[in-house]
Each structure stands twice: as C-alpha cells, then as structure tokens.
Amino acid sequence: MTGKKMKCMVCGHVYDPDKGDRDVDAGTIFSDIPAGWKCPVCGAQKASFKEI
C-alpha cells in the first residue's frame, strides 16, 4: 500500500494512491498531488478531502 485513501467530503469520491486518478499516476501519495488539483467528480478543492 502506497498511502492513505482520501475522501472528498463534497461528493464522496475516494482517491486511492495505489490506483491514482485522472492526471495523477498510480503510486502518488495525496500530499504529492499539486495544490491546484481538483476532485475529478465534483471539482472540489484538494482541501475538501479527508483521510479515511
């Protein structure tokens, strides 16, 4: 396991570092994602995500 999963508190989308996400390579921990990244589902800011 690469890191902690993070959940968008707006829409419920879960970022799984083992899988990555749109424009984010698998293996990228959440803290290494650029500050301007937004939830690929609802567009919420990175700050809207909480560790689960």
N, C-alpha and C. Protein backbone atom coordinates (compact mmCIF):
# COMPACT_ATOMS: atom_id res chain seq x y z
N MET A 1 0.85 -1.18 0.00
CA MET A 1 0.00 0.00 0.00
C MET A 1 0.89 1.24 0.00
N THR A 2 0.56 2.18 -0.85
CA THR A 2 1.37 3.37 -1.04
C THR A 2 1.09 4.46 -0.02
N GLY A 3 -0.15 4.65 0.33
CA GLY A 3 -0.50 5.73 1.25
C GLY A 3 -1.95 5.61 1.67
N LYS A 4 -2.41 6.63 2.37
CA LYS A 4 -3.78 6.64 2.87
C LYS A 4 -4.76 7.05 1.78
N LYS A 5 -5.94 6.45 1.83
CA LYS A 5 -7.02 6.86 0.92
C LYS A 5 -7.61 8.16 1.45
N MET A 6 -8.05 8.99 0.53
CA MET A 6 -8.62 10.28 0.88
C MET A 6 -10.00 10.39 0.25
N LYS A 7 -10.96 10.92 1.01
CA LYS A 7 -12.34 11.01 0.54
C LYS A 7 -12.76 12.47 0.39
N CYS A 8 -13.40 12.79 -0.74
CA CYS A 8 -13.95 14.12 -0.96
C CYS A 8 -15.19 14.27 -0.07
N MET A 9 -15.18 15.27 0.78
CA MET A 9 -16.29 15.49 1.69
C MET A 9 -17.48 16.14 0.99
N VAL A 10 -17.32 16.54 -0.26
CA VAL A 10 -18.42 17.14 -1.02
C VAL A 10 -19.23 16.05 -1.73
N CYS A 11 -18.53 15.15 -2.46
CA CYS A 11 -19.25 14.18 -3.28
C CYS A 11 -19.01 12.72 -2.90
N GLY A 12 -18.01 12.46 -2.06
CA GLY A 12 -17.73 11.10 -1.63
C GLY A 12 -16.71 10.35 -2.47
N HIS A 13 -16.16 11.00 -3.51
CA HIS A 13 -15.14 10.36 -4.33
C HIS A 13 -13.95 9.99 -3.45
N VAL A 14 -13.39 8.80 -3.67
CA VAL A 14 -12.23 8.34 -2.89
C VAL A 14 -11.00 8.32 -3.79
N TYR A 15 -9.95 9.02 -3.34
CA TYR A 15 -8.66 8.96 -4.02
C TYR A 15 -7.87 7.83 -3.39
N ASP A 16 -7.50 6.85 -4.20
CA ASP A 16 -6.71 5.71 -3.75
C ASP A 16 -5.32 5.84 -4.38
N PRO A 17 -4.28 6.09 -3.57
CA PRO A 17 -2.95 6.29 -4.14
C PRO A 17 -2.41 5.08 -4.88
N ASP A 18 -2.90 3.90 -4.57
CA ASP A 18 -2.45 2.71 -5.28
C ASP A 18 -2.97 2.68 -6.72
N LYS A 19 -4.06 3.39 -6.97
CA LYS A 19 -4.67 3.42 -8.31
C LYS A 19 -4.43 4.74 -9.03
N GLY A 20 -4.17 5.82 -8.30
CA GLY A 20 -4.04 7.12 -8.92
C GLY A 20 -5.42 7.66 -9.31
N ASP A 21 -5.43 8.63 -10.19
CA ASP A 21 -6.68 9.26 -10.61
C ASP A 21 -6.43 9.96 -11.93
N ARG A 22 -7.44 10.62 -12.43
CA ARG A 22 -7.27 11.36 -13.67
C ARG A 22 -6.10 12.35 -13.51
N ASP A 23 -5.13 12.28 -14.40
CA ASP A 23 -3.93 13.13 -14.40
C ASP A 23 -3.01 12.91 -13.20
N VAL A 24 -3.22 11.83 -12.44
CA VAL A 24 -2.34 11.51 -11.31
C VAL A 24 -1.92 10.05 -11.45
N ASP A 25 -0.62 9.82 -11.52
CA ASP A 25 -0.10 8.47 -11.69
C ASP A 25 -0.34 7.60 -10.46
N ALA A 26 -0.56 6.31 -10.69
CA ALA A 26 -0.67 5.36 -9.59
C ALA A 26 0.62 5.43 -8.78
N GLY A 27 0.50 5.31 -7.47
CA GLY A 27 1.65 5.38 -6.59
C GLY A 27 1.91 6.77 -6.04
N THR A 28 1.10 7.75 -6.44
CA THR A 28 1.28 9.13 -5.96
C THR A 28 0.50 9.32 -4.67
N ILE A 29 1.23 9.64 -3.59
CA ILE A 29 0.54 9.90 -2.33
C ILE A 29 -0.16 11.26 -2.43
N PHE A 30 -1.23 11.41 -1.66
CA PHE A 30 -2.08 12.59 -1.77
C PHE A 30 -1.31 13.89 -1.55
N SER A 31 -0.39 13.90 -0.61
CA SER A 31 0.37 15.13 -0.33
C SER A 31 1.26 15.55 -1.48
N ASP A 32 1.57 14.64 -2.40
CA ASP A 32 2.40 14.96 -3.56
C ASP A 32 1.60 15.46 -4.76
N ILE A 33 0.27 15.44 -4.66
CA ILE A 33 -0.56 15.95 -5.75
C ILE A 33 -0.49 17.48 -5.71
N PRO A 34 -0.34 18.14 -6.86
CA PRO A 34 -0.25 19.60 -6.88
C PRO A 34 -1.44 20.29 -6.21
N ALA A 35 -1.20 21.45 -5.60
CA ALA A 35 -2.23 22.18 -4.85
C ALA A 35 -3.44 22.55 -5.72
N GLY A 36 -3.24 22.75 -7.00
CA GLY A 36 -4.33 23.14 -7.88
C GLY A 36 -5.22 22.00 -8.35
N TRP A 37 -4.88 20.77 -7.96
CA TRP A 37 -5.68 19.60 -8.35
C TRP A 37 -7.06 19.72 -7.75
N LYS A 38 -8.06 19.25 -8.49
CA LYS A 38 -9.44 19.28 -8.01
C LYS A 38 -10.05 17.89 -8.12
N CYS A 39 -11.07 17.65 -7.35
CA CYS A 39 -11.79 16.37 -7.40
C CYS A 39 -12.26 16.14 -8.83
N PRO A 40 -11.94 14.98 -9.41
CA PRO A 40 -12.34 14.72 -10.80
C PRO A 40 -13.84 14.51 -10.96
N VAL A 41 -14.56 14.33 -9.87
CA VAL A 41 -16.01 14.11 -9.95
C VAL A 41 -16.78 15.42 -9.81
N CYS A 42 -16.47 16.19 -8.75
CA CYS A 42 -17.28 17.39 -8.48
C CYS A 42 -16.51 18.71 -8.61
N GLY A 43 -15.19 18.64 -8.76
CA GLY A 43 -14.39 19.86 -8.91
C GLY A 43 -14.03 20.54 -7.60
N ALA A 44 -14.27 19.87 -6.47
CA ALA A 44 -13.93 20.45 -5.16
C ALA A 44 -12.41 20.59 -5.02
N GLN A 45 -11.99 21.55 -4.23
CA GLN A 45 -10.58 21.79 -3.97
C GLN A 45 -9.95 20.61 -3.23
N LYS A 46 -8.65 20.48 -3.35
CA LYS A 46 -7.91 19.42 -2.67
C LYS A 46 -8.15 19.46 -1.15
N ALA A 47 -8.35 20.65 -0.60
CA ALA A 47 -8.58 20.81 0.84
C ALA A 47 -9.89 20.17 1.30
N SER A 48 -10.76 19.83 0.36
CA SER A 48 -12.06 19.21 0.69
C SER A 48 -11.93 17.72 0.98
N PHE A 49 -10.73 17.16 0.85
CA PHE A 49 -10.51 15.73 1.07
C PHE A 49 -10.03 15.47 2.48
N LYS A 50 -10.53 14.40 3.06
CA LYS A 50 -10.13 13.97 4.41
C LYS A 50 -9.67 12.52 4.35
N GLU A 51 -8.73 12.17 5.21
CA GLU A 51 -8.21 10.81 5.28
C GLU A 51 -9.28 9.84 5.78
N ILE A 52 -9.33 8.68 5.14
CA ILE A 52 -10.27 7.64 5.59
C ILE A 52 -9.52 6.37 5.93
